[in-house]
C-alpha atoms as a PDB file:
ATOM      1  CA  MET A   1     110.840 106.802  82.785  1.00  0.00           C
ATOM      2  CA  LYS A   2     112.923 104.399  84.744  1.00  0.00           C
ATOM      3  CA  LYS A   3     111.018 100.978  84.990  1.00  0.00           C
ATOM      4  CA  HIS A   4     111.133  99.035  88.337  1.00  0.00           C
ATOM      5  CA  ASN A   5     110.392  95.497  87.582  1.00  0.00           C
ATOM      6  CA  PHE A   6     109.002  93.647  90.604  1.00  0.00           C
ATOM      7  CA  SER A   7     107.815  90.583  88.607  1.00  0.00           C
ATOM      8  CA  ALA A   8     107.550  87.332  90.305  1.00  0.00           C
ATOM      9  CA  GLY A   9     108.655  85.451  87.265  1.00  0.00           C
ATOM     10  CA  PRO A  10     109.763  85.761  84.751  1.00  0.00           C
ATOM     11  CA  SER A  11     111.742  88.191  86.601  1.00  0.00           C
ATOM     12  CA  ILE A  12     114.259  90.741  86.479  1.00  0.00           C
ATOM     13  CA  LEU A  13     117.712  90.213  84.898  1.00  0.00           C
ATOM     14  CA  ASP A  14     120.770  92.335  85.407  1.00  0.00           C
ATOM     15  CA  GLU A  15     121.235  94.980  82.873  1.00  0.00           C
ATOM     16  CA  SER A  16     124.748  93.755  81.839  1.00  0.00           C
ATOM     17  CA  VAL A  17     123.356  90.107  81.379  1.00  0.00           C
ATOM     18  CA  ILE A  18     120.564  91.480  78.896  1.00  0.00           C
ATOM     19  CA  LYS A  19     123.305  93.189  77.014  1.00  0.00           C
ATOM     20  CA  ASP A  20     125.426  90.098  76.758  1.00  0.00           C
ATOM     21  CA  ALA A  21     122.453  88.143  75.826  1.00  0.00           C
ATOM     22  CA  ALA A  22     121.413  90.756  73.005  1.00  0.00           C
ATOM     23  CA  ALA A  23     124.788  90.665  71.798  1.00  0.00           C
ATOM     24  CA  ALA A  24     124.918  86.869  71.436  1.00  0.00           C
ATOM     25  CA  VAL A  25     121.569  86.960  69.641  1.00  0.00           C
ATOM     26  CA  LEU A  26     123.302  88.872  66.964  1.00  0.00           C
ATOM     27  CA  ASN A  27     126.669  87.220  66.928  1.00  0.00           C
ATOM     28  CA  TYR A  28     127.329  84.282  69.190  1.00  0.00           C
ATOM     29  CA  ALA A  29     130.931  83.347  70.170  1.00  0.00           C
ATOM     30  CA  GLY A  30     132.461  84.899  67.083  1.00  0.00           C
ATOM     31  CA  THR A  31     130.519  82.479  64.986  1.00  0.00           C
ATOM     32  CA  GLY A  32     128.820  85.062  62.953  1.00  0.00           C
ATOM     33  CA  LEU A  33     125.486  83.171  63.938  1.00  0.00           C
ATOM     34  CA  SER A  34     122.720  84.028  66.360  1.00  0.00           C
ATOM     35  CA  ILE A  35     122.790  81.887  69.533  1.00  0.00           C
ATOM     36  CA  LEU A  36     118.899  81.295  68.428  1.00  0.00           C
ATOM     37  CA  GLU A  37     120.175  79.237  65.387  1.00  0.00           C
ATOM     38  CA  VAL A  38     123.397  77.511  66.351  1.00  0.00           C
ATOM     39  CA  SER A  39     123.484  73.765  66.851  1.00  0.00           C
ATOM     40  CA  HIS A  40     123.572  72.544  70.427  1.00  0.00           C
ATOM     41  CA  ARG A  41     125.934  69.929  69.355  1.00  0.00           C
ATOM     42  CA  GLY A  42     128.540  72.521  68.038  1.00  0.00           C
ATOM     43  CA  LYS A  43     131.783  73.176  70.131  1.00  0.00           C
ATOM     44  CA  GLU A  44     130.836  76.682  71.142  1.00  0.00           C
ATOM     45  CA  PHE A  45     127.559  75.838  72.827  1.00  0.00           C
ATOM     46  CA  THR A  46     128.936  72.447  74.246  1.00  0.00           C
ATOM     47  CA  ALA A  47     131.450  74.829  76.015  1.00  0.00           C
ATOM     48  CA  THR A  48     128.843  76.915  77.255  1.00  0.00           C
ATOM     49  CA  MET A  49     126.761  74.032  78.760  1.00  0.00           C
ATOM     50  CA  GLU A  50     129.951  72.653  80.442  1.00  0.00           C
ATOM     51  CA  GLU A  51     130.961  75.977  81.771  1.00  0.00           C
ATOM     52  CA  ALA A  52     127.431  76.715  83.164  1.00  0.00           C
ATOM     53  CA  ARG A  53     127.440  73.271  85.026  1.00  0.00           C
ATOM     54  CA  ARG A  54     130.977  73.725  86.318  1.00  0.00           C
ATOM     55  CA  LEU A  55     130.270  77.418  87.692  1.00  0.00           C
ATOM     56  CA  MET A  56     127.030  76.176  89.350  1.00  0.00           C
ATOM     57  CA  LYS A  57     129.114  73.755  91.151  1.00  0.00           C
ATOM     58  CA  GLU A  58     131.546  76.451  91.957  1.00  0.00           C
ATOM     59  CA  LEU A  59     129.219  79.133  93.231  1.00  0.00           C
ATOM     60  CA  LEU A  60     127.046  76.660  95.078  1.00  0.00           C
ATOM     61  CA  ASP A  61     129.879  74.576  96.659  1.00  0.00           C
ATOM     62  CA  ILE A  62     128.374  71.243  95.429  1.00  0.00           C
ATOM     63  CA  PRO A  63     130.352  68.381  96.637  1.00  0.00           C
ATOM     64  CA  GLU A  64     131.690  65.378  94.844  1.00  0.00           C
ATOM     65  CA  GLY A  65     128.956  62.744  93.712  1.00  0.00           C
ATOM     66  CA  TYR A  66     126.554  65.319  92.474  1.00  0.00           C
ATOM     67  CA  GLU A  67     125.578  66.107  88.996  1.00  0.00           C
ATOM     68  CA  VAL A  68     124.221  69.424  87.641  1.00  0.00           C
ATOM     69  CA  LEU A  69     121.683  69.313  84.973  1.00  0.00           C
ATOM     70  CA  PHE A  70     119.932  71.858  82.624  1.00  0.00           C
ATOM     71  CA  LEU A  71     116.510  70.443  81.214  1.00  0.00           C
ATOM     72  CA  GLY A  72     113.386  71.622  79.931  1.00  0.00           C
ATOM     73  CA  GLY A  73     109.979  71.263  81.190  1.00  0.00           C
ATOM     74  CA  GLY A  74     110.037  73.622  84.134  1.00  0.00           C
ATOM     75  CA  ALA A  75     109.699  72.835  87.933  1.00  0.00           C
ATOM     76  CA  SER A  76     106.047  71.763  87.171  1.00  0.00           C
ATOM     77  CA  LEU A  77     107.634  68.648  85.525  1.00  0.00           C
ATOM     78  CA  GLN A  78     110.070  68.098  88.280  1.00  0.00           C
ATOM     79  CA  PHE A  79     107.164  67.517  90.516  1.00  0.00           C
ATOM     80  CA  ALA A  80     106.330  64.166  88.861  1.00  0.00           C
ATOM     81  CA  GLN A  81     109.834  63.358  87.765  1.00  0.00           C
ATOM     82  CA  VAL A  82     111.237  63.828  91.282  1.00  0.00           C
ATOM     83  CA  ALA A  83     108.654  61.224  92.728  1.00  0.00           C
ATOM     84  CA  MET A  84     108.998  58.869  89.533  1.00  0.00           C
ATOM     85  CA  ASN A  85     112.819  58.626  90.457  1.00  0.00           C
ATOM     86  CA  LEU A  86     113.060  58.730  94.039  1.00  0.00           C
ATOM     87  CA  LEU A  87     109.789  57.682  95.523  1.00  0.00           C
ATOM     88  CA  LYS A  88     109.694  53.868  96.386  1.00  0.00           C
ATOM     89  CA  THR A  89     106.992  53.526  99.066  1.00  0.00           C
ATOM     90  CA  LYS A  90     106.297  56.752 100.855  1.00  0.00           C
ATOM     91  CA  ALA A  91     107.381  60.516 101.078  1.00  0.00           C
ATOM     92  CA  ALA A  92     106.682  63.565 103.181  1.00  0.00           C
ATOM     93  CA  TYR A  93     105.869  66.889 101.832  1.00  0.00           C
ATOM     94  CA  VAL A  94     105.699  70.230 103.623  1.00  0.00           C
ATOM     95  CA  ASP A  95     102.785  71.810 102.025  1.00  0.00           C
ATOM     96  CA  SER A  96     103.824  75.425 102.562  1.00  0.00           C
ATOM     97  CA  GLY A  97     102.066  77.232  99.448  1.00  0.00           C
ATOM     98  CA  THR A  98     100.643  76.712  96.157  1.00  0.00           C
ATOM     99  CA  TRP A  99     103.688  74.902  94.335  1.00  0.00           C
ATOM    100  CA  ALA A 100     104.291  72.653  97.270  1.00  0.00           C
ATOM    101  CA  ASN A 101     100.616  71.577  97.162  1.00  0.00           C
ATOM    102  CA  LYS A 102     100.949  70.778  93.573  1.00  0.00           C
ATOM    103  CA  ALA A 103     104.212  68.909  93.972  1.00  0.00           C
ATOM    104  CA  ALA A 104     102.568  66.775  96.586  1.00  0.00           C
ATOM    105  CA  LYS A 105      99.504  66.066  94.479  1.00  0.00           C
ATOM    106  CA  GLU A 106     102.025  64.712  91.707  1.00  0.00           C
ATOM    107  CA  ALA A 107     103.909  62.662  94.112  1.00  0.00           C
ATOM    108  CA  LYS A 108     100.705  60.729  95.175  1.00  0.00           C
ATOM    109  CA  LEU A 109     100.698  59.207  91.870  1.00  0.00           C
ATOM    110  CA  PHE A 110     103.777  57.250  92.678  1.00  0.00           C
ATOM    111  CA  GLY A 111     103.328  56.307  96.326  1.00  0.00           C
ATOM    112  CA  GLU A 112     102.074  57.390  99.731  1.00  0.00           C
ATOM    113  CA  VAL A 113     102.328  60.851 100.637  1.00  0.00           C
ATOM    114  CA  VAL A 114     102.334  62.385 104.329  1.00  0.00           C
ATOM    115  CA  SER A 115     101.739  66.182 104.292  1.00  0.00           C
ATOM    116  CA  PHE A 116     102.574  68.997 106.687  1.00  0.00           C
ATOM    117  CA  SER A 117     100.375  71.855 105.797  1.00  0.00           C
ATOM    118  CA  SER A 118      99.702  75.405 106.709  1.00  0.00           C
ATOM    119  CA  LYS A 119      96.706  75.633 103.964  1.00  0.00           C
ATOM    120  CA  ALA A 120      94.045  75.900 106.663  1.00  0.00           C
ATOM    121  CA  ASP A 121      95.598  79.107 107.754  1.00  0.00           C
ATOM    122  CA  ASN A 122      95.963  80.401 104.101  1.00  0.00           C
ATOM    123  CA  TYR A 123      99.548  79.666 104.193  1.00  0.00           C
ATOM    124  CA  VAL A 124     100.633  82.359 106.559  1.00  0.00           C
ATOM    125  CA  TRP A 125     103.189  80.443 108.451  1.00  0.00           C
ATOM    126  CA  TYR A 126     105.806  77.795 107.371  1.00  0.00           C
ATOM    127  CA  PRO A 127     105.431  74.220 108.566  1.00  0.00           C
ATOM    128  CA  LYS A 128     108.359  72.956 110.402  1.00  0.00           C
ATOM    129  CA  PRO A 129     107.729  69.164 111.298  1.00  0.00           C
ATOM    130  CA  TRP A 130     111.366  68.585 112.358  1.00  0.00           C
ATOM    131  CA  LEU A 131     110.846  70.986 115.301  1.00  0.00           C
ATOM    132  CA  THR A 132     108.082  68.946 116.666  1.00  0.00           C
ATOM    133  CA  GLY A 133     109.592  65.474 115.915  1.00  0.00           C
ATOM    134  CA  GLU A 134     106.914  64.543 113.246  1.00  0.00           C
ATOM    135  CA  VAL A 135     109.028  63.759 110.376  1.00  0.00           C
ATOM    136  CA  PRO A 136     108.463  59.840 109.872  1.00  0.00           C
ATOM    137  CA  SER A 137     111.780  57.835 109.886  1.00  0.00           C
ATOM    138  CA  ASP A 138     110.442  55.456 107.248  1.00  0.00           C
ATOM    139  CA  ILE A 139     110.365  57.838 104.331  1.00  0.00           C
ATOM    140  CA  ASP A 140     112.248  57.779 101.211  1.00  0.00           C
ATOM    141  CA  TYR A 141     112.502  61.647 101.589  1.00  0.00           C
ATOM    142  CA  LEU A 142     111.093  64.944 102.604  1.00  0.00           C
ATOM    143  CA  HIS A 143     110.292  67.549 100.078  1.00  0.00           C
ATOM    144  CA  LEU A 144     110.524  71.363 100.931  1.00  0.00           C
ATOM    145  CA  THR A 145     109.570  74.193  98.690  1.00  0.00           C
ATOM    146  CA  SER A 146     111.970  76.859 100.445  1.00  0.00           C
ATOM    147  CA  ASN A 147     110.261  79.952  98.956  1.00  0.00           C
ATOM    148  CA  ASN A 148     106.849  80.444  98.271  1.00  0.00           C
ATOM    149  CA  THR A 149     106.217  83.196  95.718  1.00  0.00           C
ATOM    150  CA  VAL A 150     102.493  83.396  96.006  1.00  0.00           C
ATOM    151  CA  TYR A 151     102.156  83.743  99.732  1.00  0.00           C
ATOM    152  CA  GLY A 152     105.526  85.177 100.503  1.00  0.00           C
ATOM    153  CA  THR A 153     106.912  82.730 103.198  1.00  0.00           C
ATOM    154  CA  GLU A 154     110.265  81.118 103.028  1.00  0.00           C
ATOM    155  CA  LEU A 155     112.575  78.683 104.929  1.00  0.00           C
ATOM    156  CA  ARG A 156     116.116  80.210 105.036  1.00  0.00           C
ATOM    157  CA  TYR A 157     117.955  77.009 106.344  1.00  0.00           C
ATOM    158  CA  ASP A 158     118.525  73.406 105.772  1.00  0.00           C
ATOM    159  CA  PRO A 159     116.789  71.526 108.545  1.00  0.00           C
ATOM    160  CA  ASP A 160     118.428  68.767 110.368  1.00  0.00           C
ATOM    161  CA  VAL A 161     116.554  65.460 109.737  1.00  0.00           C
ATOM    162  CA  LYS A 162     117.423  61.960 109.598  1.00  0.00           C
ATOM    163  CA  VAL A 163     116.087  61.526 106.180  1.00  0.00           C
ATOM    164  CA  ARG A 164     117.219  62.739 102.907  1.00  0.00           C
ATOM    165  CA  LEU A 165     115.698  65.977 101.415  1.00  0.00           C
ATOM    166  CA  VAL A 166     114.363  67.250  98.222  1.00  0.00           C
ATOM    167  CA  GLY A 167     114.270  71.166  97.723  1.00  0.00           C
ATOM    168  CA  ASP A 168     112.353  73.097  95.095  1.00  0.00           C
ATOM    169  CA  MET A 169     114.463  76.087  95.303  1.00  0.00           C
ATOM    170  CA  SER A 170     113.080  77.903  92.021  1.00  0.00           C
ATOM    171  CA  SER A 171     112.828  81.330  93.463  1.00  0.00           C
ATOM    172  CA  ASP A 172     115.513  81.639  96.014  1.00  0.00           C
ATOM    173  CA  ILE A 173     118.504  79.658  94.538  1.00  0.00           C
ATOM    174  CA  PHE A 174     121.700  81.661  94.665  1.00  0.00           C
ATOM    175  CA  THR A 175     120.453  83.682  97.585  1.00  0.00           C
ATOM    176  CA  ARG A 176     121.851  81.809 100.618  1.00  0.00           C
ATOM    177  CA  GLU A 177     124.431  79.216 101.284  1.00  0.00           C
ATOM    178  CA  VAL A 178     122.852  75.889 100.979  1.00  0.00           C
ATOM    179  CA  ASP A 179     124.380  72.586 102.645  1.00  0.00           C
ATOM    180  CA  ILE A 180     123.914  70.514  99.401  1.00  0.00           C
ATOM    181  CA  ALA A 181     124.960  67.176 101.091  1.00  0.00           C
ATOM    182  CA  LYS A 182     121.813  67.109 102.949  1.00  0.00           C
ATOM    183  CA  TYR A 183     119.772  66.889  99.910  1.00  0.00           C
ATOM    184  CA  ASP A 184     119.278  64.026  97.481  1.00  0.00           C
ATOM    185  CA  LEU A 185     117.976  66.491  94.768  1.00  0.00           C
ATOM    186  CA  ILE A 186     117.348  70.147  94.421  1.00  0.00           C
ATOM    187  CA  TYR A 187     115.616  71.522  91.413  1.00  0.00           C
ATOM    188  CA  GLY A 188     113.813  74.756  90.136  1.00  0.00           C
ATOM    189  CA  GLY A 189     112.808  76.862  87.078  1.00  0.00           C
ATOM    190  CA  ALA A 190     115.502  79.213  86.030  1.00  0.00           C
ATOM    191  CA  GLN A 191     113.377  82.037  85.330  1.00  0.00           C
ATOM    192  CA  LYS A 192     113.757  83.818  88.803  1.00  0.00           C
ATOM    193  CA  ASN A 193     117.350  84.114  89.543  1.00  0.00           C
ATOM    194  CA  ILE A 194     118.990  82.625  86.918  1.00  0.00           C
ATOM    195  CA  ALA A 195     117.583  82.952  83.343  1.00  0.00           C
ATOM    196  CA  PRO A 196     114.566  83.459  81.139  1.00  0.00           C
ATOM    197  CA  ALA A 197     111.931  80.905  81.080  1.00  0.00           C
ATOM    198  CA  GLY A 198     112.573  77.792  79.531  1.00  0.00           C
ATOM    199  CA  ALA A 199     115.551  76.209  81.594  1.00  0.00           C
ATOM    200  CA  THR A 200     115.217  74.150  84.660  1.00  0.00           C
ATOM    201  CA  PHE A 201     118.312  73.303  86.863  1.00  0.00           C
ATOM    202  CA  VAL A 202     118.598  70.097  88.577  1.00  0.00           C
ATOM    203  CA  ILE A 203     121.364  69.189  91.319  1.00  0.00           C
ATOM    204  CA  VAL A 204     121.079  65.534  92.030  1.00  0.00           C
ATOM    205  CA  ARG A 205     123.040  62.729  94.055  1.00  0.00           C
ATOM    206  CA  ARG A 206     124.187  60.221  91.581  1.00  0.00           C
ATOM    207  CA  ASP A 207     123.907  57.386  94.227  1.00  0.00           C
ATOM    208  CA  ALA A 208     120.214  58.309  95.012  1.00  0.00           C
ATOM    209  CA  LEU A 209     119.107  57.217  91.584  1.00  0.00           C
ATOM    210  CA  GLY A 210     118.348  53.765  90.310  1.00  0.00           C
ATOM    211  CA  HIS A 211     116.591  52.200  93.528  1.00  0.00           C
ATOM    212  CA  VAL A 212     112.859  52.347  92.585  1.00  0.00           C
ATOM    213  CA  ASP A 213     111.326  49.274  90.705  1.00  0.00           C
ATOM    214  CA  ARG A 214     109.021  50.967  88.301  1.00  0.00           C
ATOM    215  CA  PRO A 215     110.162  51.322  84.492  1.00  0.00           C
ATOM    216  CA  LEU A 216     111.083  54.902  83.737  1.00  0.00           C
ATOM    217  CA  PRO A 217     110.770  56.651  80.470  1.00  0.00           C
ATOM    218  CA  THR A 218     114.051  57.513  78.930  1.00  0.00           C
ATOM    219  CA  MET A 219     113.350  61.357  78.963  1.00  0.00           C
ATOM    220  CA  LEU A 220     112.183  61.117  82.625  1.00  0.00           C
ATOM    221  CA  ASP A 221     114.905  59.139  83.861  1.00  0.00           C
ATOM    222  CA  TYR A 222     117.712  61.544  85.340  1.00  0.00           C
ATOM    223  CA  ARG A 223     120.451  59.015  84.749  1.00  0.00           C
ATOM    224  CA  THR A 224     119.813  59.582  80.685  1.00  0.00           C
ATOM    225  CA  HIS A 225     120.771  63.308  81.262  1.00  0.00           C
ATOM    226  CA  ILE A 226     123.564  62.555  83.234  1.00  0.00           C
ATOM    227  CA  ASP A 227     125.237  60.155  80.859  1.00  0.00           C
ATOM    228  CA  LYS A 228     124.747  62.634  78.065  1.00  0.00           C
ATOM    229  CA  ASP A 229     125.750  65.810  79.976  1.00  0.00           C
ATOM    230  CA  SER A 230     122.319  67.563  79.729  1.00  0.00           C
ATOM    231  CA  MET A 231     122.495  67.092  75.840  1.00  0.00           C
ATOM    232  CA  TYR A 232     120.519  63.895  75.365  1.00  0.00           C
ATOM    233  CA  ASN A 233     118.016  65.963  73.442  1.00  0.00           C
ATOM    234  CA  THR A 234     118.050  69.533  72.300  1.00  0.00           C
ATOM    235  CA  PRO A 235     118.567  71.561  75.502  1.00  0.00           C
ATOM    236  CA  PRO A 236     117.063  75.252  76.141  1.00  0.00           C
ATOM    237  CA  VAL A 237     119.889  76.688  74.241  1.00  0.00           C
ATOM    238  CA  PHE A 238     119.443  80.466  74.783  1.00  0.00           C
ATOM    239  CA  PRO A 239     118.297  80.206  78.587  1.00  0.00           C
ATOM    240  CA  VAL A 240     121.321  78.098  79.345  1.00  0.00           C
ATOM    241  CA  TYR A 241     123.441  80.854  77.699  1.00  0.00           C
ATOM    242  CA  VAL A 242     121.678  83.459  79.899  1.00  0.00           C
ATOM    243  CA  ALA A 243     122.226  81.495  82.984  1.00  0.00           C
ATOM    244  CA  LEU A 244     126.009  81.177  82.371  1.00  0.00           C
ATOM    245  CA  GLN A 245     126.269  85.048  82.039  1.00  0.00           C
ATOM    246  CA  THR A 246     124.195  85.438  85.165  1.00  0.00           C
ATOM    247  CA  MET A 247     126.234  83.132  87.139  1.00  0.00           C
ATOM    248  CA  LYS A 248     129.494  84.870  85.741  1.00  0.00           C
ATOM    249  CA  TRP A 249     127.912  88.061  86.934  1.00  0.00           C
ATOM    250  CA  TYR A 250     127.269  86.619  90.508  1.00  0.00           C
ATOM    251  CA  LYS A 251     130.931  85.404  90.607  1.00  0.00           C
ATOM    252  CA  GLU A 252     132.171  89.022  89.925  1.00  0.00           C
ATOM    253  CA  LEU A 253     130.003  90.313  92.929  1.00  0.00           C
ATOM    254  CA  GLY A 254     131.536  88.001  95.218  1.00  0.00           C
ATOM    255  CA  GLY A 255     129.379  85.053  95.275  1.00  0.00           C
ATOM    256  CA  VAL A 256     126.384  83.857  97.275  1.00  0.00           C
ATOM    257  CA  LYS A 257     127.483  85.352 100.622  1.00  0.00           C
ATOM    258  CA  VAL A 258     127.601  88.937  99.096  1.00  0.00           C
ATOM    259  CA  LEU A 259     124.136  88.168  97.188  1.00  0.00           C
ATOM    260  CA  GLU A 260     122.611  86.953 100.637  1.00  0.00           C
ATOM    261  CA  LYS A 261     123.770  90.266 102.304  1.00  0.00           C
ATOM    262  CA  MET A 262     122.410  92.293  99.517  1.00  0.00           C
ATOM    263  CA  ASN A 263     119.084  90.717  99.573  1.00  0.00           C
ATOM    264  CA  LEU A 264     118.583  90.738 103.499  1.00  0.00           C
ATOM    265  CA  GLU A 265     119.360  94.523 103.142  1.00  0.00           C
ATOM    266  CA  LYS A 266     116.789  95.172 100.454  1.00  0.00           C
ATOM    267  CA  ALA A 267     114.035  93.053 102.068  1.00  0.00           C
ATOM    268  CA  ALA A 268     114.706  94.707 105.543  1.00  0.00           C
ATOM    269  CA  ILE A 269     114.137  98.180 103.887  1.00  0.00           C
ATOM    270  CA  LEU A 270     110.739  97.349 102.347  1.00  0.00           C
ATOM    271  CA  TYR A 271     109.404  95.367 105.513  1.00  0.00           C
ATOM    272  CA  ASP A 272     110.593  98.244 107.850  1.00  0.00           C
ATOM    273  CA  GLU A 273     108.318 100.455 105.847  1.00  0.00           C
ATOM    274  CA  ILE A 274     105.499  98.110 105.646  1.00  0.00           C
ATOM    275  CA  ASP A 275     105.689  97.769 109.496  1.00  0.00           C
ATOM    276  CA  ARG A 276     105.986 101.564 110.218  1.00  0.00           C
ATOM    277  CA  ASN A 277     103.397 102.791 107.611  1.00  0.00           C
ATOM    278  CA  PRO A 278      99.741 102.610 109.062  1.00  0.00           C
ATOM    279  CA  LEU A 279      98.247 102.302 105.397  1.00  0.00           C
ATOM    280  CA  PHE A 280      99.998  98.842 104.940  1.00  0.00           C
ATOM    281  CA  ARG A 281     100.348  95.545 106.691  1.00  0.00           C
ATOM    282  CA  GLY A 282     102.328  92.236 105.955  1.00  0.00           C
ATOM    283  CA  THR A 283     100.241  89.183 105.403  1.00  0.00           C
ATOM    284  CA  VAL A 284     102.701  86.357 106.729  1.00  0.00           C
ATOM    285  CA  ASN A 285     104.217  85.643 110.132  1.00  0.00           C
ATOM    286  CA  ALA A 286     107.247  87.905 110.686  1.00  0.00           C
ATOM    287  CA  GLU A 287     109.638  84.876 111.329  1.00  0.00           C
ATOM    288  CA  ASP A 288     108.704  83.051 108.075  1.00  0.00           C
ATOM    289  CA  ARG A 289     108.804  86.202 105.686  1.00  0.00           C
ATOM    290  CA  SER A 290     110.380  86.008 102.376  1.00  0.00           C
ATOM    291  CA  ILE A 291     113.244  87.929 101.348  1.00  0.00           C
ATOM    292  CA  MET A 292     112.216  87.186  97.837  1.00  0.00           C
ATOM    293  CA  ASN A 293     108.764  87.914  97.658  1.00  0.00           C
ATOM    294  CA  VAL A 294     107.407  90.618  99.805  1.00  0.00           C
ATOM    295  CA  CYS A 295     103.568  90.229 100.054  1.00  0.00           C
ATOM    296  CA  PHE A 296     101.452  92.984 101.858  1.00  0.00           C
ATOM    297  CA  VAL A 297      98.010  94.552 101.561  1.00  0.00           C
ATOM    298  CA  MET A 298      96.307  97.600 102.627  1.00  0.00           C
ATOM    299  CA  SER A 299      95.656  97.970 106.409  1.00  0.00           C
ATOM    300  CA  ASP A 300      91.745  97.354 107.296  1.00  0.00           C
ATOM    301  CA  ALA A 301      90.978 101.012 107.625  1.00  0.00           C
ATOM    302  CA  TYR A 302      92.414 101.656 104.140  1.00  0.00           C
ATOM    303  CA  GLN A 303      91.204  98.967 101.940  1.00  0.00           C
ATOM    304  CA  GLU A 304      89.474 100.981  99.589  1.00  0.00           C
ATOM    305  CA  LEU A 305      92.653 102.786  98.488  1.00  0.00           C
ATOM    306  CA  GLU A 306      94.293  99.759  97.064  1.00  0.00           C
ATOM    307  CA  LYS A 307      93.427 100.683  93.528  1.00  0.00           C
ATOM    308  CA  GLU A 308      94.558 104.184  94.138  1.00  0.00           C
ATOM    309  CA  PHE A 309      97.800 103.085  95.480  1.00  0.00           C
ATOM    310  CA  TYR A 310      98.395 100.782  92.606  1.00  0.00           C
ATOM    311  CA  GLU A 311      97.790 103.532  90.272  1.00  0.00           C
ATOM    312  CA  PHE A 312      99.954 105.918  92.221  1.00  0.00           C
ATOM    313  CA  ALA A 313     102.962 103.513  92.203  1.00  0.00           C
ATOM    314  CA  SER A 314     102.435 102.620  88.620  1.00  0.00           C
ATOM    315  CA  ALA A 315     102.573 106.140  87.307  1.00  0.00           C
ATOM    316  CA  ARG A 316     106.121 106.245  88.944  1.00  0.00           C
ATOM    317  CA  GLY A 317     107.221 103.619  86.846  1.00  0.00           C
ATOM    318  CA  PHE A 318     106.694 100.414  89.265  1.00  0.00           C
ATOM    319  CA  VAL A 319     105.440  97.371  87.278  1.00  0.00           C
ATOM    320  CA  SER A 320     104.093  93.648  87.966  1.00  0.00           C
ATOM    321  CA  PHE A 321     103.798  94.291  91.785  1.00  0.00           C
ATOM    322  CA  LYS A 322     100.116  93.127  92.039  1.00  0.00           C
ATOM    323  CA  GLY A 323      99.587  90.268  94.409  1.00  0.00           C
ATOM    324  CA  HIS A 324      98.848  86.863  93.082  1.00  0.00           C
ATOM    325  CA  ARG A 325      95.294  86.478  91.834  1.00  0.00           C
ATOM    326  CA  SER A 326      94.659  84.055  94.605  1.00  0.00           C
ATOM    327  CA  VAL A 327      95.881  86.436  97.466  1.00  0.00           C
ATOM    328  CA  GLY A 328      95.234  90.037  96.264  1.00  0.00           C
ATOM    329  CA  GLY A 329      96.962  92.965  97.533  1.00  0.00           C
ATOM    330  CA  PHE A 330     100.634  93.586  96.470  1.00  0.00           C
ATOM    331  CA  ARG A 331     103.825  91.592  95.861  1.00  0.00           C
ATOM    332  CA  ALA A 332     107.174  93.185  95.564  1.00  0.00           C
ATOM    333  CA  SER A 333     109.664  90.532  94.284  1.00  0.00           C
ATOM    334  CA  LEU A 334     113.202  91.275  95.254  1.00  0.00           C
ATOM    335  CA  TYR A 335     115.177  88.770  93.146  1.00  0.00           C
ATOM    336  CA  ASN A 336     118.980  89.063  92.896  1.00  0.00           C
ATOM    337  CA  ALA A 337     119.088  91.422  90.012  1.00  0.00           C
ATOM    338  CA  MET A 338     116.775  93.961  91.637  1.00  0.00           C
ATOM    339  CA  PRO A 339     118.683  97.079  92.700  1.00  0.00           C
ATOM    340  CA  LYS A 340     118.630  98.510  96.254  1.00  0.00           C
ATOM    341  CA  SER A 341     117.802 101.772  94.495  1.00  0.00           C
ATOM    342  CA  SER A 342     114.393 100.414  93.058  1.00  0.00           C
ATOM    343  CA  VAL A 343     113.510  99.295  96.606  1.00  0.00           C
ATOM    344  CA  GLU A 344     114.209 102.621  98.199  1.00  0.00           C
ATOM    345  CA  CYS A 345     112.298 104.318  95.371  1.00  0.00           C
ATOM    346  CA  PHE A 346     109.264 102.113  96.366  1.00  0.00           C
ATOM    347  CA  VAL A 347     109.456 102.928 100.020  1.00  0.00           C
ATOM    348  CA  GLN A 348     109.680 106.528  99.026  1.00  0.00           C
ATOM    349  CA  THR A 349     106.558 106.140  96.947  1.00  0.00           C
ATOM    350  CA  MET A 350     104.757 104.420  99.827  1.00  0.00           C
ATOM    351  CA  LYS A 351     105.701 107.490 102.102  1.00  0.00           C
ATOM    352  CA  ASP A 352     104.565 109.692  99.563  1.00  0.00           C
ATOM    353  CA  PHE A 353     101.247 108.115  99.157  1.00  0.00           C
ATOM    354  CA  GLU A 354     100.795 108.263 102.988  1.00  0.00           C
ATOM    355  CA  ARG A 355     101.270 112.179 103.041  1.00  0.00           C
ATOM    356  CA  LYS A 356      98.910 112.433 100.100  1.00  0.00           C
ATOM    357  CA  VAL A 357      96.202 110.314 102.107  1.00  0.00           C
ATOM    358  CA  ALA A 358      96.689 112.513 105.224  1.00  0.00           C
ATOM    359  CA  LYS A 359      96.100 115.811 103.520  1.00  0.00           C
END
């Protein structure tokens, strides 16, 4: 039976990327050694790291003055590292979901934090303080988590503000064109749209660094990793290799514009069915719906059928589509590698379940 992997992360990878990765586990770059055992200082992996950094710059049209890093620690470490490096006195955080809330909590260890939150409404809408003129002018940066995997909201544009931005784009990087020049720093875990868990990407403006008075631990100073081309310590070798294969695949497809078109189409197919089918309903405001993480529940009149639908869909090969434990219901994650055919099969399953219930 074909499996349809709707996991929110670690998430689906393209089949061609998995095959390339499997081949490298057996014989990396003709060395006769596995990618899992080669030296990160060897010429083969040094070339892999450099190509991965270069290709990310190309695909995202990253301007001069920015560096691309591949680090360990995940986005959760970045919550503290960002503030440690950039927060001098005060920052503002858009609290749009679980991970944004955690990021703001870490930032409070290093300075004052102003928060704009939709938590009181269970994060069903995305706060946009720039539309109401509430963004303070005296902050060091405004932090955004552009896509919220738990609640299924997303901001799909770069706001016009008079302050610099920091973006956690863990789960929607490479899904739309980003105006990098508006940001001091963009970061994210790679395990949604780039690679298996273990690598973290950071895109940082060089002249944004070095302005805080606090002493910085060597490993947590971005300048350390810039100076050493992401090789100050042993980097996450295998995830970086897979990230390179994924970005090569993106380039072959036609780049970010093509990926965005594909993702908008996939999301529309599923949201249209959720809105049409009386058994289901979406959980967030329509204008803020994520195209990466489609969250929905059974309609009030059919809540008792949640377990039955889950078993019905699971029997057809759909996996990892339960909603986050803090939300419940269902979550279909439609990352870049998710084929449209899987979304269409899921929609057909929803229709078939509707007919089953109607009998």
